[in-house]
Protein backbone atom coordinates (compact mmCIF):
# COMPACT_ATOMS: atom_id res chain seq x y z
CA MET A 1 2.44 -5.14 -7.50
CA ARG A 2 3.44 -2.85 -4.66
CA ARG A 3 1.81 -0.10 -2.60
CA GLY A 4 3.12 1.66 0.49
CA GLN A 5 6.54 2.38 1.90
CA TYR A 6 9.68 0.40 1.12
CA VAL A 7 13.31 0.61 2.23
CA ILE A 8 16.65 -0.84 1.19
CA VAL A 9 18.75 -2.27 4.04
CA ASP A 10 22.05 -4.04 3.31
CA GLY A 11 21.06 -4.34 -0.36
CA THR A 12 17.68 -5.99 0.37
CA GLU A 13 14.30 -4.35 -0.28
CA TYR A 14 11.68 -4.59 2.47
CA ALA A 15 8.10 -3.43 2.81
CA ALA A 16 8.33 -0.90 5.61
CA ARG A 17 6.70 1.67 7.83
CA VAL A 18 8.80 4.77 8.45
CA TRP A 19 7.69 6.09 11.83
CA GLY A 20 9.76 9.23 12.10
CA GLY A 21 11.92 9.77 15.15
CA GLY A 22 14.60 7.61 13.55
CA LYS A 23 12.75 4.25 13.60
CA VAL A 24 11.63 2.02 10.73
CA SER A 25 9.59 -1.19 10.84
CA LEU A 26 10.47 -3.85 8.27
CA PHE A 27 8.02 -6.50 7.06
CA ILE A 28 8.59 -9.86 5.34
CA PRO A 29 5.96 -12.47 4.35
CA GLN A 30 5.31 -15.32 6.79
CA THR A 31 6.39 -18.02 4.37
CA GLY A 32 8.31 -20.04 6.92
CA PRO A 33 9.23 -20.17 10.59
CA LYS A 34 9.85 -16.91 12.46
CA PRO A 35 13.36 -15.60 11.74
CA ASP A 36 15.52 -14.63 14.71
CA GLY A 37 14.84 -11.06 15.85
CA TRP A 38 11.46 -10.80 14.07
CA ILE A 39 7.97 -10.68 15.64
CA LEU A 40 4.44 -11.22 14.36
CA GLY A 41 3.54 -8.30 12.06
CA ARG A 42 0.55 -7.12 10.03
CA GLU A 43 -1.31 -9.18 7.40
CA SER A 44 0.66 -12.45 7.50
CA THR A 45 4.09 -10.85 7.94
CA TRP A 46 7.02 -10.93 10.30
CA SER A 47 8.13 -7.52 11.55
CA ARG A 48 11.28 -5.99 13.00
CA LYS A 49 12.13 -2.41 14.07
CA ILE A 50 15.47 -0.92 13.12
CA ASP A 51 17.21 2.42 13.39
CA ALA A 52 16.67 4.62 10.32
CA SER A 53 20.44 5.11 9.99
CA LYS A 54 20.65 1.52 8.66
CA VAL A 55 18.42 2.41 5.69
CA SER A 56 20.28 3.23 2.47
CA GLU A 57 17.15 4.22 0.53
CA ALA A 58 13.47 4.80 1.35
CA PHE A 59 10.58 5.32 -1.02
CA SER A 60 6.82 5.38 -1.16
CA ILE A 61 4.73 3.82 -3.93
CA SER A 62 1.20 4.78 -4.90
CA THR A 63 -0.54 2.58 -7.44
CA ARG A 64 -3.45 3.08 -9.83
CA ALA A 65 -4.94 0.44 -12.09
CA TYR A 66 -8.10 -0.62 -13.88
CA LEU A 67 -10.55 -3.22 -12.66
CA ASP A 68 -12.08 -3.97 -16.06
CA ASP A 69 -13.19 -0.46 -17.11
CA VAL A 70 -13.19 1.11 -13.61
CA GLU A 71 -10.13 3.14 -12.58
CA VAL A 72 -9.05 2.28 -9.02
CA HIS A 73 -6.47 3.29 -6.41
CA VAL A 74 -4.68 0.38 -4.81
CA ASP A 75 -5.07 0.95 -1.06
CA SER A 76 -3.05 -2.07 0.07
CA VAL A 77 -1.58 -5.31 -1.22
CA ASN A 78 -1.16 -8.75 0.30
CA ALA A 79 1.87 -10.39 -1.31
CA THR A 80 1.13 -13.75 0.29
CA ASP A 81 -2.28 -14.28 -1.32
CA ARG A 82 -1.60 -11.90 -4.27
CA THR A 83 -4.63 -9.71 -3.63
CA ALA A 84 -5.15 -5.96 -3.55
CA THR A 85 -7.67 -3.82 -1.71
CA VAL A 86 -8.83 -1.27 -4.27
CA ARG A 87 -10.97 1.86 -4.19
CA ALA A 88 -12.77 3.37 -7.18
CA VAL A 89 -11.11 6.65 -8.19
CA GLN A 90 -14.49 8.34 -8.63
CA PRO A 91 -16.71 8.04 -5.55
CA THR A 92 -20.49 8.31 -5.86
CA SER A 93 -22.26 11.37 -4.50
CA ARG A 94 -24.37 10.81 -1.38
CA SER A 95 -27.32 12.05 -3.43
CA ASP A 96 -26.91 8.85 -5.52
CA TYR A 97 -27.27 6.60 -2.44
CA GLY A 98 -28.69 3.27 -3.56
CA ALA A 99 -27.00 3.42 -6.97
CA PRO A 100 -25.28 0.23 -8.07
CA PRO A 101 -21.50 -0.02 -7.62
CA PRO A 102 -19.31 0.88 -10.60
CA HIS A 103 -18.11 -2.77 -10.61
CA PRO A 104 -19.70 -5.93 -9.13
CA LEU A 105 -16.56 -6.66 -7.04
CA LEU A 106 -16.80 -3.28 -5.26
CA GLU A 107 -18.95 -2.55 -2.22
CA ALA A 108 -20.02 0.72 -0.64
CA LEU A 109 -17.89 2.07 2.18
CA ASN A 110 -19.90 4.81 3.83
CA ASP A 111 -17.17 6.60 5.77
CA SER A 112 -17.52 10.03 4.17
CA PRO A 113 -20.28 12.54 4.82
CA TYR A 114 -20.18 13.65 1.16
CA SER A 115 -19.69 10.56 -0.97
CA ILE A 116 -19.78 6.78 -1.09
CA ASP A 117 -16.42 5.13 -1.69
CA TRP A 118 -16.48 1.84 -3.57
CA VAL A 119 -13.95 -0.66 -2.16
CA GLY A 120 -13.14 -4.32 -2.81
CA LYS A 121 -10.49 -6.98 -2.38
CA VAL A 122 -9.48 -8.49 -5.73
CA ALA A 123 -6.87 -10.84 -7.14
CA TRP A 124 -3.91 -9.06 -8.75
CA ASP A 125 -4.59 -10.69 -12.10
CA ARG A 126 -7.97 -8.89 -12.27
CA LEU A 127 -6.15 -5.54 -12.55
CA SER A 128 -4.76 -4.08 -15.76
CA ASN A 129 -2.83 -0.95 -16.79
CA VAL A 130 -1.10 -0.90 -13.41
CA ASP A 131 0.83 2.33 -12.86
CA GLU A 132 3.17 2.73 -9.89
CA ALA A 133 4.36 6.21 -8.91
CA VAL A 134 7.54 6.12 -6.83
CA GLY A 135 8.66 8.98 -4.59
CA ARG A 136 11.72 9.13 -2.38
CA ILE A 137 11.22 9.67 1.35
CA ASP A 138 13.53 10.57 4.21
CA PRO A 139 13.98 7.36 6.26
CA SER A 140 14.35 9.27 9.53
CA THR A 141 11.12 11.29 9.16
CA GLY A 142 8.99 9.52 6.54
CA ARG A 143 8.51 12.83 4.74
CA PRO A 144 8.81 13.14 0.95
CA ILE A 145 12.11 14.32 -0.45
CA ASP A 146 11.96 16.86 -3.27
CA ASN A 147 12.53 14.40 -6.12
CA GLU A 148 13.33 17.13 -8.66
CA ASN A 149 15.95 18.85 -6.49
CA PRO A 150 17.56 16.12 -4.32
């Protein structure tokens, strides 16, 4: 399961962050000792910045799935522990404050003045009907590329 930005460099796919201004950060899981030229990154990863001109392809993935019968967006994934942070697609209105979550593994995240978002960290194998939407992005800017008229 994937979510976020990815790039292809020298034939290898990396999780990435396209910063714009011609720079890209690459991320690999911390499954062994630190490789030469890499530094400590986010969420148990090693990171390295490169020039966007070294990227042969860049794309962004958004993912939706079901947690039992609740449709969720996948906000982030952790490939090392095979978990996903998910958010219910349908938030609850603030007028329903105190209502139970749509799923027992979701908790209220009260960061909106209008609704309550339901968020949780779950194992990948709890999700079904996973649908990944892939869109190309410009590696030098991070902006979407018109995928119908490249």
